[in-house]
Amino acid sequence: MATRRILLIDDDVDLALMLREYLEPGHIELTLAHNSAQGLPLAMQDCFDLVLLDLMLPDGSGLDLLRHLRRHSCRPVIMFTAHGGETDRVLGLELGADDYLAKPFGPRELKARIGAVLRRFEEKPAPS
């Protein structure tokens, strides 16, 4: 199984380290960024298969970062936040997030969602 490269942009260091510990044995290489200033330049690189993006970052909104990403990339993005209200979820999805997860969440659910999103992006059209 090929190793997947995923960028996690979240200021919650404990969550980031826990996710790294959980995901990396499953052929996922997790790169961490803890704010928009660190995350945006990394997200613009072509080396990541998927971006995990928190809505609330200390130096800006994850929604603003998502808008920028969508102008320059079609890379899959899963957003998550402690603000699990319908408005935040709908706005994230309307701006181009491929999935949205409310905190707290279990790492197994996140791993399953990562797999589902990556499968959708890798599916090849059936021959006509």
C-alpha atoms as a PDB file:
ATOM      1  CA  MET A   1       0.000   0.000   0.000  1.00  0.00           C
ATOM      2  CA  ALA A   2       1.370   3.412  -0.969  1.00  0.00           C
ATOM      3  CA  THR A   3       2.019   5.941   1.761  1.00  0.00           C
ATOM      4  CA  ARG A   4      -0.403   8.879   1.683  1.00  0.00           C
ATOM      5  CA  ARG A   5       0.909  12.361   2.428  1.00  0.00           C
ATOM      6  CA  ILE A   6      -1.547  14.458   4.404  1.00  0.00           C
ATOM      7  CA  LEU A   7      -1.192  18.014   5.670  1.00  0.00           C
ATOM      8  CA  LEU A   8      -2.896  18.790   8.988  1.00  0.00           C
ATOM      9  CA  ILE A   9      -3.456  22.497   9.703  1.00  0.00           C
ATOM     10  CA  ASP A  10      -4.678  22.818  13.297  1.00  0.00           C
ATOM     11  CA  ASP A  11      -3.488  24.794  16.320  1.00  0.00           C
ATOM     12  CA  ASP A  12      -4.394  21.985  18.744  1.00  0.00           C
ATOM     13  CA  VAL A  13      -0.942  20.450  19.233  1.00  0.00           C
ATOM     14  CA  ASP A  14      -2.214  17.592  21.407  1.00  0.00           C
ATOM     15  CA  LEU A  15      -4.778  16.585  18.773  1.00  0.00           C
ATOM     16  CA  ALA A  16      -2.178  16.831  16.011  1.00  0.00           C
ATOM     17  CA  LEU A  17       0.273  14.592  17.858  1.00  0.00           C
ATOM     18  CA  MET A  18      -2.450  12.064  18.720  1.00  0.00           C
ATOM     19  CA  LEU A  19      -3.555  11.921  15.074  1.00  0.00           C
ATOM     20  CA  ARG A  20       0.041  11.496  13.923  1.00  0.00           C
ATOM     21  CA  GLU A  21       0.496   8.608  16.361  1.00  0.00           C
ATOM     22  CA  TYR A  22      -2.745   6.973  15.180  1.00  0.00           C
ATOM     23  CA  LEU A  23      -2.494   7.564  11.422  1.00  0.00           C
ATOM     24  CA  GLU A  24       1.179   7.065  10.599  1.00  0.00           C
ATOM     25  CA  PRO A  25       1.267   3.287  11.230  1.00  0.00           C
ATOM     26  CA  GLY A  26      -1.531   3.049   8.634  1.00  0.00           C
ATOM     27  CA  HIS A  27       0.635   4.243   5.715  1.00  0.00           C
ATOM     28  CA  ILE A  28      -0.170   7.921   6.255  1.00  0.00           C
ATOM     29  CA  GLU A  29       2.597  10.486   6.569  1.00  0.00           C
ATOM     30  CA  LEU A  30       1.214  13.469   8.479  1.00  0.00           C
ATOM     31  CA  THR A  31       2.828  16.899   8.147  1.00  0.00           C
ATOM     32  CA  LEU A  32       1.768  19.375  10.834  1.00  0.00           C
ATOM     33  CA  ALA A  33       1.171  23.121  10.601  1.00  0.00           C
ATOM     34  CA  HIS A  34      -0.295  25.032  13.526  1.00  0.00           C
ATOM     35  CA  ASN A  35      -1.502  28.236  11.850  1.00  0.00           C
ATOM     36  CA  SER A  36      -2.334  29.756   8.468  1.00  0.00           C
ATOM     37  CA  ALA A  37       1.132  31.250   8.034  1.00  0.00           C
ATOM     38  CA  GLN A  38       2.711  27.793   8.279  1.00  0.00           C
ATOM     39  CA  GLY A  39      -0.089  25.927   6.533  1.00  0.00           C
ATOM     40  CA  LEU A  40      -0.730  27.977   3.399  1.00  0.00           C
ATOM     41  CA  PRO A  41       2.741  27.640   1.833  1.00  0.00           C
ATOM     42  CA  LEU A  42       2.735  23.915   2.587  1.00  0.00           C
ATOM     43  CA  ALA A  43      -0.782  23.447   1.209  1.00  0.00           C
ATOM     44  CA  MET A  44       0.226  25.102  -2.065  1.00  0.00           C
ATOM     45  CA  GLN A  45       2.877  22.429  -2.658  1.00  0.00           C
ATOM     46  CA  ASP A  46       1.886  19.542  -4.889  1.00  0.00           C
ATOM     47  CA  CYS A  47       3.199  16.861  -2.557  1.00  0.00           C
ATOM     48  CA  PHE A  48       0.082  16.265  -0.425  1.00  0.00           C
ATOM     49  CA  ASP A  49      -2.760  13.899  -1.229  1.00  0.00           C
ATOM     50  CA  LEU A  50      -5.204  15.599   1.154  1.00  0.00           C
ATOM     51  CA  VAL A  51      -5.462  18.536   3.568  1.00  0.00           C
ATOM     52  CA  LEU A  52      -7.084  18.356   7.009  1.00  0.00           C
ATOM     53  CA  LEU A  53      -8.069  21.895   7.951  1.00  0.00           C
ATOM     54  CA  ASP A  54      -9.400  23.356  11.191  1.00  0.00           C
ATOM     55  CA  LEU A  55     -11.934  26.169  10.914  1.00  0.00           C
ATOM     56  CA  MET A  56     -10.508  28.265  13.764  1.00  0.00           C
ATOM     57  CA  LEU A  57      -6.805  29.086  13.473  1.00  0.00           C
ATOM     58  CA  PRO A  58      -4.928  31.566  15.688  1.00  0.00           C
ATOM     59  CA  ASP A  59      -3.938  33.820  12.781  1.00  0.00           C
ATOM     60  CA  GLY A  60      -6.989  33.562  10.557  1.00  0.00           C
ATOM     61  CA  SER A  61      -9.977  31.579   9.457  1.00  0.00           C
ATOM     62  CA  GLY A  62      -9.734  28.123   7.968  1.00  0.00           C
ATOM     63  CA  LEU A  63     -12.489  29.259   5.596  1.00  0.00           C
ATOM     64  CA  ASP A  64     -10.199  31.965   4.192  1.00  0.00           C
ATOM     65  CA  LEU A  65      -7.454  29.396   3.735  1.00  0.00           C
ATOM     66  CA  LEU A  66      -9.949  27.059   2.042  1.00  0.00           C
ATOM     67  CA  ARG A  67     -11.017  29.842  -0.356  1.00  0.00           C
ATOM     68  CA  HIS A  68      -7.373  30.402  -1.310  1.00  0.00           C
ATOM     69  CA  LEU A  69      -6.757  26.678  -1.786  1.00  0.00           C
ATOM     70  CA  ARG A  70      -9.803  26.293  -4.010  1.00  0.00           C
ATOM     71  CA  ARG A  71      -8.622  29.111  -6.282  1.00  0.00           C
ATOM     72  CA  HIS A  72      -5.345  27.255  -6.883  1.00  0.00           C
ATOM     73  CA  SER A  73      -5.940  23.554  -6.267  1.00  0.00           C
ATOM     74  CA  CYS A  74      -8.483  20.760  -6.478  1.00  0.00           C
ATOM     75  CA  ARG A  75      -6.734  18.760  -3.728  1.00  0.00           C
ATOM     76  CA  PRO A  76      -9.259  17.160  -1.355  1.00  0.00           C
ATOM     77  CA  VAL A  77      -9.896  18.975   1.929  1.00  0.00           C
ATOM     78  CA  ILE A  78     -11.581  17.706   5.072  1.00  0.00           C
ATOM     79  CA  MET A  79     -12.511  20.496   7.478  1.00  0.00           C
ATOM     80  CA  PHE A  80     -13.157  20.116  11.172  1.00  0.00           C
ATOM     81  CA  THR A  81     -13.934  22.360  14.083  1.00  0.00           C
ATOM     82  CA  ALA A  82     -15.298  22.566  17.589  1.00  0.00           C
ATOM     83  CA  HIS A  83     -17.989  24.823  16.101  1.00  0.00           C
ATOM     84  CA  GLY A  84     -20.292  22.080  14.896  1.00  0.00           C
ATOM     85  CA  GLY A  85     -23.206  24.328  13.999  1.00  0.00           C
ATOM     86  CA  GLU A  86     -25.033  23.748  10.756  1.00  0.00           C
ATOM     87  CA  THR A  87     -24.071  27.173   9.382  1.00  0.00           C
ATOM     88  CA  ASP A  88     -20.331  26.468   9.732  1.00  0.00           C
ATOM     89  CA  ARG A  89     -20.672  23.009   8.189  1.00  0.00           C
ATOM     90  CA  VAL A  90     -22.744  24.226   5.244  1.00  0.00           C
ATOM     91  CA  LEU A  91     -20.442  27.188   4.580  1.00  0.00           C
ATOM     92  CA  GLY A  92     -17.367  24.942   4.640  1.00  0.00           C
ATOM     93  CA  LEU A  93     -18.953  22.519   2.201  1.00  0.00           C
ATOM     94  CA  GLU A  94     -20.213  25.324  -0.066  1.00  0.00           C
ATOM     95  CA  LEU A  95     -16.717  26.833  -0.191  1.00  0.00           C
ATOM     96  CA  GLY A  96     -15.302  23.541  -1.416  1.00  0.00           C
ATOM     97  CA  ALA A  97     -14.537  21.267   1.524  1.00  0.00           C
ATOM     98  CA  ASP A  98     -14.991  17.646   0.504  1.00  0.00           C
ATOM     99  CA  ASP A  99     -16.090  16.586   3.979  1.00  0.00           C
ATOM    100  CA  TYR A 100     -16.685  18.228   7.344  1.00  0.00           C
ATOM    101  CA  LEU A 101     -16.254  16.741  10.795  1.00  0.00           C
ATOM    102  CA  ALA A 102     -17.293  18.266  14.142  1.00  0.00           C
ATOM    103  CA  LYS A 103     -14.941  17.996  17.135  1.00  0.00           C
ATOM    104  CA  PRO A 104     -14.666  15.957  19.183  1.00  0.00           C
ATOM    105  CA  PHE A 105     -14.286  13.055  16.793  1.00  0.00           C
ATOM    106  CA  GLY A 106     -12.653   9.678  17.015  1.00  0.00           C
ATOM    107  CA  PRO A 107      -9.494   8.944  15.046  1.00  0.00           C
ATOM    108  CA  ARG A 108     -11.113   5.834  13.515  1.00  0.00           C
ATOM    109  CA  GLU A 109     -13.897   7.971  12.037  1.00  0.00           C
ATOM    110  CA  LEU A 110     -11.396  10.474  10.657  1.00  0.00           C
ATOM    111  CA  LYS A 111      -9.322   7.664   9.127  1.00  0.00           C
ATOM    112  CA  ALA A 112     -12.461   6.225   7.506  1.00  0.00           C
ATOM    113  CA  ARG A 113     -13.408   9.644   6.108  1.00  0.00           C
ATOM    114  CA  ILE A 114      -9.873  10.147   4.770  1.00  0.00           C
ATOM    115  CA  GLY A 115     -10.118   6.796   2.997  1.00  0.00           C
ATOM    116  CA  ALA A 116     -13.549   7.595   1.556  1.00  0.00           C
ATOM    117  CA  VAL A 117     -12.491  11.011   0.234  1.00  0.00           C
ATOM    118  CA  LEU A 118      -9.289   9.636  -1.289  1.00  0.00           C
ATOM    119  CA  ARG A 119     -11.202   6.800  -2.971  1.00  0.00           C
ATOM    120  CA  ARG A 120     -13.571   9.313  -4.585  1.00  0.00           C
ATOM    121  CA  PHE A 121     -10.636  11.313  -5.922  1.00  0.00           C
ATOM    122  CA  GLU A 122      -8.880   8.242  -7.259  1.00  0.00           C
ATOM    123  CA  GLU A 123     -11.861   6.643  -8.977  1.00  0.00           C
ATOM    124  CA  LYS A 124     -11.418   6.385 -12.682  1.00  0.00           C
ATOM    125  CA  PRO A 125     -14.434   6.822 -14.940  1.00  0.00           C
ATOM    126  CA  ALA A 126     -15.913   3.584 -16.227  1.00  0.00           C
ATOM    127  CA  PRO A 127     -15.300   2.904 -19.918  1.00  0.00           C
ATOM    128  CA  SER A 128     -18.234   3.915 -22.103  1.00  0.00           C
END
